[in-house]
Structures are given as C-alpha cells and as structure tokens.
C-alpha atoms as a PDB file:
ATOM      1  CA  MET A   1     -59.676  98.819 173.584  1.00  0.00           C
ATOM      2  CA  SER A   2     -58.687  95.701 175.535  1.00  0.00           C
ATOM      3  CA  ASN A   3     -58.781  95.517 179.316  1.00  0.00           C
ATOM      4  CA  PRO A   4     -55.473  96.563 180.833  1.00  0.00           C
ATOM      5  CA  THR A   5     -53.695  93.918 182.838  1.00  0.00           C
ATOM      6  CA  ARG A   6     -52.688  94.437 186.448  1.00  0.00           C
ATOM      7  CA  LEU A   7     -49.019  95.299 186.941  1.00  0.00           C
ATOM      8  CA  ILE A   8     -47.822  94.186 190.366  1.00  0.00           C
ATOM      9  CA  PRO A   9     -44.501  95.400 191.786  1.00  0.00           C
ATOM     10  CA  LEU A  10     -42.133  92.471 192.295  1.00  0.00           C
ATOM     11  CA  THR A  11     -41.890  93.219 196.010  1.00  0.00           C
ATOM     12  CA  GLN A  12     -45.711  93.169 196.355  1.00  0.00           C
ATOM     13  CA  TRP A  13     -46.374  89.942 194.406  1.00  0.00           C
ATOM     14  CA  ASN A  14     -46.890  87.787 197.508  1.00  0.00           C
ATOM     15  CA  LYS A  15     -49.593  90.113 198.808  1.00  0.00           C
ATOM     16  CA  HIS A  16     -51.664  88.971 195.820  1.00  0.00           C
ATOM     17  CA  HIS A  17     -50.384  85.436 195.155  1.00  0.00           C
ATOM     18  CA  THR A  18     -48.721  82.819 197.346  1.00  0.00           C
ATOM     19  CA  TRP A  19     -46.679  81.288 194.528  1.00  0.00           C
ATOM     20  CA  PRO A  20     -43.947  81.714 193.533  1.00  0.00           C
ATOM     21  CA  PRO A  21     -42.254  83.000 196.674  1.00  0.00           C
ATOM     22  CA  TYR A  22     -40.307  86.241 196.411  1.00  0.00           C
ATOM     23  CA  GLY A  23     -36.936  84.511 196.052  1.00  0.00           C
ATOM     24  CA  GLY A  24     -38.205  82.261 193.285  1.00  0.00           C
ATOM     25  CA  LEU A  25     -39.683  85.213 191.444  1.00  0.00           C
ATOM     26  CA  ARG A  26     -36.387  87.089 191.691  1.00  0.00           C
ATOM     27  CA  HIS A  27     -34.641  84.042 190.224  1.00  0.00           C
ATOM     28  CA  LEU A  28     -37.067  84.036 187.279  1.00  0.00           C
ATOM     29  CA  VAL A  29     -36.464  87.761 186.697  1.00  0.00           C
ATOM     30  CA  HIS A  30     -32.678  87.364 186.950  1.00  0.00           C
ATOM     31  CA  HIS A  31     -32.705  84.603 184.293  1.00  0.00           C
ATOM     32  CA  ALA A  32     -35.462  86.166 182.177  1.00  0.00           C
ATOM     33  CA  ASP A  33     -33.399  86.127 178.957  1.00  0.00           C
ATOM     34  CA  LYS A  34     -32.959  82.355 179.227  1.00  0.00           C
ATOM     35  CA  ASN A  35     -36.406  81.279 180.423  1.00  0.00           C
ATOM     36  CA  GLY A  36     -38.713  83.549 178.387  1.00  0.00           C
ATOM     37  CA  PHE A  37     -39.778  85.534 181.444  1.00  0.00           C
ATOM     38  CA  THR A  38     -38.965  88.816 179.650  1.00  0.00           C
ATOM     39  CA  ARG A  39     -42.532  88.925 178.323  1.00  0.00           C
ATOM     40  CA  VAL A  40     -43.810  88.937 181.914  1.00  0.00           C
ATOM     41  CA  ILE A  41     -41.741  91.758 183.395  1.00  0.00           C
ATOM     42  CA  ARG A  42     -42.027  95.483 182.808  1.00  0.00           C
ATOM     43  CA  ARG A  43     -39.268  97.787 183.961  1.00  0.00           C
ATOM     44  CA  VAL A  44     -39.990 101.381 184.903  1.00  0.00           C
ATOM     45  CA  GLY A  45     -36.739 102.944 185.957  1.00  0.00           C
ATOM     46  CA  ARG A  46     -35.347 100.615 188.618  1.00  0.00           C
ATOM     47  CA  ARG A  47     -38.760  99.242 189.477  1.00  0.00           C
ATOM     48  CA  VAL A  48     -39.692  95.763 188.251  1.00  0.00           C
ATOM     49  CA  LEU A  49     -43.386  95.131 187.643  1.00  0.00           C
ATOM     50  CA  ILE A  50     -44.969  91.758 186.941  1.00  0.00           C
ATOM     51  CA  ASP A  51     -47.715  91.627 184.309  1.00  0.00           C
ATOM     52  CA  GLU A  52     -50.175  89.356 186.107  1.00  0.00           C
ATOM     53  CA  GLN A  53     -51.959  88.063 183.010  1.00  0.00           C
ATOM     54  CA  ALA A  54     -48.680  87.465 181.147  1.00  0.00           C
ATOM     55  CA  PHE A  55     -47.327  85.577 184.183  1.00  0.00           C
ATOM     56  CA  PHE A  56     -50.151  83.037 184.125  1.00  0.00           C
ATOM     57  CA  GLU A  57     -49.879  82.712 180.340  1.00  0.00           C
ATOM     58  CA  TRP A  58     -46.146  82.055 180.797  1.00  0.00           C
ATOM     59  CA  VAL A  59     -46.923  79.378 183.420  1.00  0.00           C
ATOM     60  CA  ASP A  60     -49.298  77.684 180.962  1.00  0.00           C
ATOM     61  CA  THR A  61     -46.622  77.597 178.251  1.00  0.00           C
ATOM     62  CA  GLN A  62     -44.158  76.092 180.729  1.00  0.00           C
ATOM     63  CA  ASN A  63     -46.593  73.292 181.515  1.00  0.00           C
ATOM     64  CA  SER A  64     -47.292  72.517 177.877  1.00  0.00           C
ATOM     65  CA  THR A  65     -43.557  72.468 177.123  1.00  0.00           C
ATOM     66  CA  HIS A  66     -42.922  69.782 179.760  1.00  0.00           C
ATOM     67  CA  GLU A  67     -45.884  67.608 178.729  1.00  0.00           C
ATOM     68  CA  ARG A  68     -44.550  67.009 175.211  1.00  0.00           C
END
C-alpha cells in the first residue's frame, strides 16, 4: 500500500506553506476545470481539501508546460 498523502483544508494551507496565498489558492480552485487543478482538490461535503503531493506535482507540470 502506498503512503497516503496529506490533505490540507483550503483555509489551513498557509499554516503549512507560504505560497500560494489564500486568495490565489481560491482562484485556482474556482477555475479548476480550466487549469487542471481538479486533480489537486478533494471535496468532502462543502469542505475543500488540497492534496499536498498532487499540488506540487501540478506545479511541476505547470513549469514544464511554460518551458516548451
């Protein structure tokens, strides 16, 4: 069994990481269908959780997309 990733509530993200700020993260979640951020978020009821490992993988794909 693989190691489970840490799921961080959207509102608690900045207690663990300084970037992106809360407003920027909300923007990414709001436009998740357009920017591929859907693979990063997990919804449990009304709560939005950020998959920490998937977030950093998503950041890496964004960087490689712009370098081409």
